[in-house]
Amino acid sequence: MQATEAYWGRRALEFVDAIEASRTSASVVSLFEKMIGEFGFHAYIMAGIPSFGQSLGQLTLANGWPAEWSDLYNRSNLVAVDPIPRHCQQTLNPFLWTEAPCDRADDPAAHDVMMRARDFRLNEGLCIPIHYDDAVGAISLGGDRPYLDGEAKSALHLMGIFTHGRLRSLTRPLGIAARRLSKIEAEVLSWAARGKTAWETGRILGLSERNVRWHLEEAQRKLMTKNKTATVAAALVNGEISL
């Protein structure tokens, strides 16, 4: 499926508008499943990455895996050897499944997970790491031959973060955790979440571009994130901003 940069950008913005208008988790998940289907994905999972004493089921926000694969994966605790969640700990950027280190000779268990996934038409995929507070989560998308050029990946990155944040905000009311951002920092981040540049945000809020960048840096420092995208994601997840 070929499409222009303008097409994917437009579709991403339309999706964000639809997510913002959604009031239930079910409607958000339905929109997300329909959207990723346009890219050729038929399976996904949104979940935190388990640490000691946690199970994947406890940390799953939405599960769109094939039922048999999900059952096998959880019953055999494959998350413990899967190279995809492991690689999420090492990067902030979306990555193809093939980019996660998985050497057949050095790490046969990890290689076996990837091979077994193919029995469920999970031949190729994209993973979007979600870093917030001191935890790491991910949105992992799989399909037969999904469309994964650079612009498509950028659009999926944006849509994934917004979907994850919206689902978190719907399942956890705003204000449940102590707020760390000032009102102006939250406003600046809200416009950043909508794709506005520092200059555009400054025009909207009556601030200089330099001042906007300073507020973004302060928000990043307070939320202990490493870049603007991760800061927006953390603010959405923590209920500091909403769509």
Protein backbone atom coordinates (compact mmCIF):
# COMPACT_ATOMS: atom_id res chain seq x y z
CA MET A 1 0.00 0.00 0.00
CA GLN A 2 1.64 3.20 -1.12
CA ALA A 3 0.72 6.60 0.29
CA THR A 4 2.22 10.06 0.47
CA GLU A 5 3.59 11.78 3.55
CA ALA A 6 0.67 14.20 3.43
CA TYR A 7 -1.78 11.28 3.46
CA TRP A 8 -0.34 9.66 6.59
CA GLY A 9 -0.03 13.01 8.33
CA ARG A 10 -3.67 13.81 7.58
CA ARG A 11 -4.81 10.37 8.71
CA ALA A 12 -2.86 10.73 11.95
CA LEU A 13 -4.49 14.09 12.73
CA GLU A 14 -7.95 12.71 11.90
CA PHE A 15 -7.26 9.81 14.22
CA VAL A 16 -6.15 12.09 17.07
CA ASP A 17 -9.37 14.12 16.69
CA ALA A 18 -11.43 10.94 16.83
CA ILE A 19 -9.55 9.67 19.89
CA GLU A 20 -10.08 12.99 21.63
CA ALA A 21 -13.83 12.71 21.07
CA SER A 22 -13.98 9.13 22.37
CA ARG A 23 -15.41 8.67 25.83
CA THR A 24 -14.99 4.92 26.36
CA SER A 25 -12.06 2.52 26.23
CA ALA A 26 -14.01 0.31 23.84
CA SER A 27 -14.40 3.11 21.29
CA VAL A 28 -10.70 3.99 21.54
CA VAL A 29 -9.68 0.37 20.98
CA SER A 30 -12.10 0.05 18.05
CA LEU A 31 -10.67 3.16 16.37
CA PHE A 32 -7.13 1.95 16.96
CA GLU A 33 -7.80 -1.51 15.51
CA LYS A 34 -9.40 0.00 12.42
CA MET A 35 -6.50 2.42 11.96
CA ILE A 36 -3.68 -0.12 12.26
CA GLY A 37 -5.59 -2.32 9.83
CA GLU A 38 -4.93 0.34 7.18
CA PHE A 39 -1.22 -0.36 7.64
CA GLY A 40 -1.68 -4.12 7.30
CA PHE A 41 -1.55 -5.06 10.99
CA HIS A 42 -4.00 -7.61 12.33
CA ALA A 43 -2.61 -8.06 15.86
CA TYR A 44 -1.33 -5.90 18.70
CA ILE A 45 -0.77 -5.66 22.42
CA MET A 46 -0.44 -2.61 24.71
CA ALA A 47 1.14 -3.52 28.01
CA GLY A 48 3.72 -2.68 30.61
CA ILE A 49 6.88 -4.76 30.67
CA PRO A 50 6.79 -6.99 33.75
CA SER A 51 9.44 -6.70 36.42
CA PHE A 52 10.03 -9.14 39.26
CA GLY A 53 6.78 -10.46 40.72
CA GLN A 54 4.55 -9.05 37.96
CA SER A 55 2.70 -10.85 35.18
CA LEU A 56 2.00 -9.57 31.69
CA GLY A 57 -1.72 -9.97 32.28
CA GLN A 58 -1.62 -7.56 35.22
CA LEU A 59 0.00 -4.90 33.05
CA THR A 60 -2.01 -5.33 29.83
CA LEU A 61 -4.01 -2.30 28.76
CA ALA A 62 -5.42 -3.77 25.53
CA ASN A 63 -4.86 -7.16 23.93
CA GLY A 64 -5.47 -7.70 20.24
CA TRP A 65 -3.27 -10.77 19.81
CA PRO A 66 -4.68 -13.98 18.32
CA ALA A 67 -6.26 -15.85 21.25
CA GLU A 68 -4.15 -19.00 20.82
CA TRP A 69 -0.91 -17.00 20.66
CA SER A 70 -1.89 -14.95 23.69
CA ASP A 71 -2.65 -18.11 25.65
CA LEU A 72 0.63 -19.78 24.64
CA TYR A 73 2.64 -16.63 25.30
CA ASN A 74 1.26 -16.17 28.81
CA ARG A 75 1.14 -19.85 29.75
CA SER A 76 4.79 -20.33 28.74
CA ASN A 77 5.89 -16.95 30.16
CA LEU A 78 7.51 -16.09 26.82
CA VAL A 79 7.79 -12.44 27.85
CA ALA A 80 10.82 -13.51 29.89
CA VAL A 81 12.76 -14.45 26.73
CA ASP A 82 11.05 -12.31 24.07
CA PRO A 83 13.63 -9.92 22.52
CA ILE A 84 10.98 -7.26 21.77
CA PRO A 85 10.15 -6.14 25.35
CA ARG A 86 13.80 -6.51 26.26
CA HIS A 87 14.82 -4.08 23.52
CA CYS A 88 12.19 -1.57 24.73
CA GLN A 89 14.33 -1.08 27.81
CA GLN A 90 17.18 0.13 25.60
CA THR A 91 15.49 2.64 23.30
CA LEU A 92 12.92 5.43 23.22
CA ASN A 93 12.29 5.14 19.49
CA PRO A 94 9.95 2.83 17.58
CA PHE A 95 11.73 -0.16 16.07
CA LEU A 96 11.00 -3.02 13.72
CA TRP A 97 10.88 -6.45 15.30
CA THR A 98 13.86 -7.41 13.17
CA GLU A 99 15.90 -4.66 14.85
CA ALA A 100 15.67 -6.30 18.28
CA PRO A 101 18.83 -8.34 18.91
CA CYS A 102 17.93 -11.99 18.42
CA ASP A 103 20.86 -14.22 17.51
CA ARG A 104 19.93 -17.84 16.87
CA ALA A 105 23.24 -19.17 18.18
CA ASP A 106 23.70 -16.86 21.18
CA ASP A 107 20.05 -16.55 22.22
CA PRO A 108 18.07 -19.54 20.92
CA ALA A 109 15.10 -18.94 23.27
CA ALA A 110 14.58 -15.43 21.91
CA HIS A 111 14.91 -16.67 18.35
CA ASP A 112 12.36 -19.40 19.07
CA VAL A 113 9.78 -16.83 20.25
CA MET A 114 10.04 -14.97 16.95
CA MET A 115 9.75 -18.19 14.94
CA ARG A 116 6.72 -19.40 16.92
CA ALA A 117 4.99 -16.05 16.38
CA ARG A 118 5.02 -16.71 12.64
CA ASP A 119 2.64 -19.64 13.18
CA PHE A 120 0.04 -16.96 13.99
CA ARG A 121 0.76 -14.77 10.94
CA LEU A 122 2.98 -12.48 13.01
CA ASN A 123 5.75 -12.34 10.43
CA GLU A 124 6.70 -8.68 10.72
CA GLY A 125 6.05 -5.99 13.27
CA LEU A 126 6.68 -2.64 14.83
CA CYS A 127 7.14 -1.87 18.51
CA ILE A 128 6.55 1.54 20.10
CA PRO A 129 8.23 1.86 23.53
CA ILE A 130 6.31 3.87 26.14
CA HIS A 131 8.49 5.28 28.93
CA TYR A 132 6.79 6.87 31.94
CA ASP A 133 7.80 7.46 35.55
CA ASP A 134 10.13 4.55 36.40
CA ALA A 135 8.28 2.01 34.25
CA VAL A 136 8.45 0.92 30.62
CA GLY A 137 5.60 -0.26 28.44
CA ALA A 138 5.11 -0.94 24.76
CA ILE A 139 2.67 -1.15 21.91
CA SER A 140 3.65 -4.06 19.68
CA LEU A 141 1.97 -4.44 16.28
CA GLY A 142 2.17 -7.54 14.09
CA GLY A 143 1.04 -8.64 10.66
CA ASP A 144 1.83 -10.63 7.54
CA ARG A 145 3.41 -7.89 5.44
CA PRO A 146 2.52 -4.52 7.00
CA TYR A 147 3.28 -1.20 5.36
CA LEU A 148 6.26 0.22 7.25
CA ASP A 149 8.02 3.03 5.40
CA GLY A 150 9.44 5.97 7.36
CA GLU A 151 6.35 8.17 7.22
CA ALA A 152 4.07 5.31 8.16
CA LYS A 153 6.21 4.56 11.21
CA SER A 154 6.13 8.21 12.28
CA ALA A 155 2.34 8.28 12.01
CA LEU A 156 2.02 5.02 13.95
CA HIS A 157 4.34 6.39 16.64
CA LEU A 158 2.13 9.44 17.14
CA MET A 159 -1.11 7.47 17.05
CA GLY A 160 0.23 4.82 19.39
CA ILE A 161 1.25 7.35 22.03
CA PHE A 162 -2.12 9.11 21.84
CA THR A 163 -4.02 5.82 22.06
CA HIS A 164 -2.02 4.63 25.02
CA GLY A 165 -2.44 7.95 26.81
CA ARG A 166 -6.16 8.10 26.10
CA LEU A 167 -6.76 4.59 27.39
CA ARG A 168 -4.79 5.35 30.55
CA SER A 169 -6.73 8.56 31.14
CA LEU A 170 -10.06 6.74 30.70
CA THR A 171 -9.13 3.97 33.11
CA ARG A 172 -7.58 6.27 35.70
CA PRO A 173 -9.40 9.55 36.49
CA LEU A 174 -7.45 12.79 36.23
CA GLY A 175 -6.03 13.99 39.50
CA ILE A 176 -5.48 10.56 41.03
CA ALA A 177 -1.75 11.24 41.21
CA ALA A 178 -0.06 14.37 42.46
CA ARG A 179 0.54 16.84 39.65
CA ARG A 180 4.10 17.87 38.95
CA LEU A 181 3.65 20.31 36.06
CA SER A 182 2.69 23.95 36.35
CA LYS A 183 -0.37 25.17 34.47
CA ILE A 184 1.73 26.78 31.74
CA GLU A 185 3.93 23.69 31.36
CA ALA A 186 0.81 21.57 30.93
CA GLU A 187 -0.56 24.01 28.33
CA VAL A 188 2.68 23.98 26.37
CA LEU A 189 2.75 20.19 26.42
CA SER A 190 -0.89 19.98 25.37
CA TRP A 191 -0.14 21.97 22.23
CA ALA A 192 3.01 19.91 21.60
CA ALA A 193 0.83 16.80 21.81
CA ARG A 194 -1.28 18.26 19.01
CA GLY A 195 1.77 18.64 16.81
CA LYS A 196 2.40 22.36 17.30
CA THR A 197 5.96 23.65 17.06
CA ALA A 198 7.48 25.85 19.76
CA TRP A 199 6.95 28.88 17.52
CA GLU A 200 3.29 28.01 16.86
CA THR A 201 2.67 27.35 20.55
CA GLY A 202 4.23 30.70 21.39
CA ARG A 203 1.87 32.49 19.00
CA ILE A 204 -1.13 30.70 20.54
CA LEU A 205 -0.14 31.37 24.17
CA GLY A 206 1.46 34.78 23.71
CA LEU A 207 4.95 33.55 24.66
CA SER A 208 8.31 33.78 22.96
CA GLU A 209 9.60 30.66 21.23
CA ARG A 210 12.51 30.62 23.66
CA ASN A 211 10.11 30.69 26.62
CA VAL A 212 8.09 27.82 25.19
CA ARG A 213 11.24 25.74 24.80
CA TRP A 214 12.19 26.51 28.39
CA HIS A 215 8.80 25.29 29.65
CA LEU A 216 9.20 22.11 27.59
CA GLU A 217 12.61 21.53 29.13
CA GLU A 218 11.20 22.10 32.62
CA ALA A 219 8.42 19.59 31.97
CA GLN A 220 10.97 17.12 30.68
CA ARG A 221 13.08 17.58 33.81
CA LYS A 222 10.12 17.15 36.16
CA LEU A 223 8.83 14.04 34.40
CA MET A 224 12.37 12.63 34.06
CA THR A 225 12.06 11.94 30.35
CA LYS A 226 14.61 12.17 27.55
CA ASN A 227 12.82 13.98 24.72
CA LYS A 228 9.63 15.84 23.82
CA THR A 229 7.76 12.76 22.57
CA ALA A 230 8.49 10.85 25.78
CA THR A 231 7.48 13.89 27.84
CA VAL A 232 4.12 14.16 26.08
CA ALA A 233 3.55 10.43 26.58
CA ALA A 234 4.41 10.64 30.30
CA ALA A 235 2.13 13.64 30.80
CA LEU A 236 -0.76 11.83 29.12
CA VAL A 237 -0.20 8.65 31.10
CA ASN A 238 0.10 10.53 34.42
CA GLY A 239 -3.05 12.55 33.76
CA GLU A 240 -1.13 15.84 33.67
CA ILE A 241 -2.70 16.66 30.29
CA SER A 242 -5.62 15.26 28.31
CA LEU A 243 -6.40 15.20 24.60
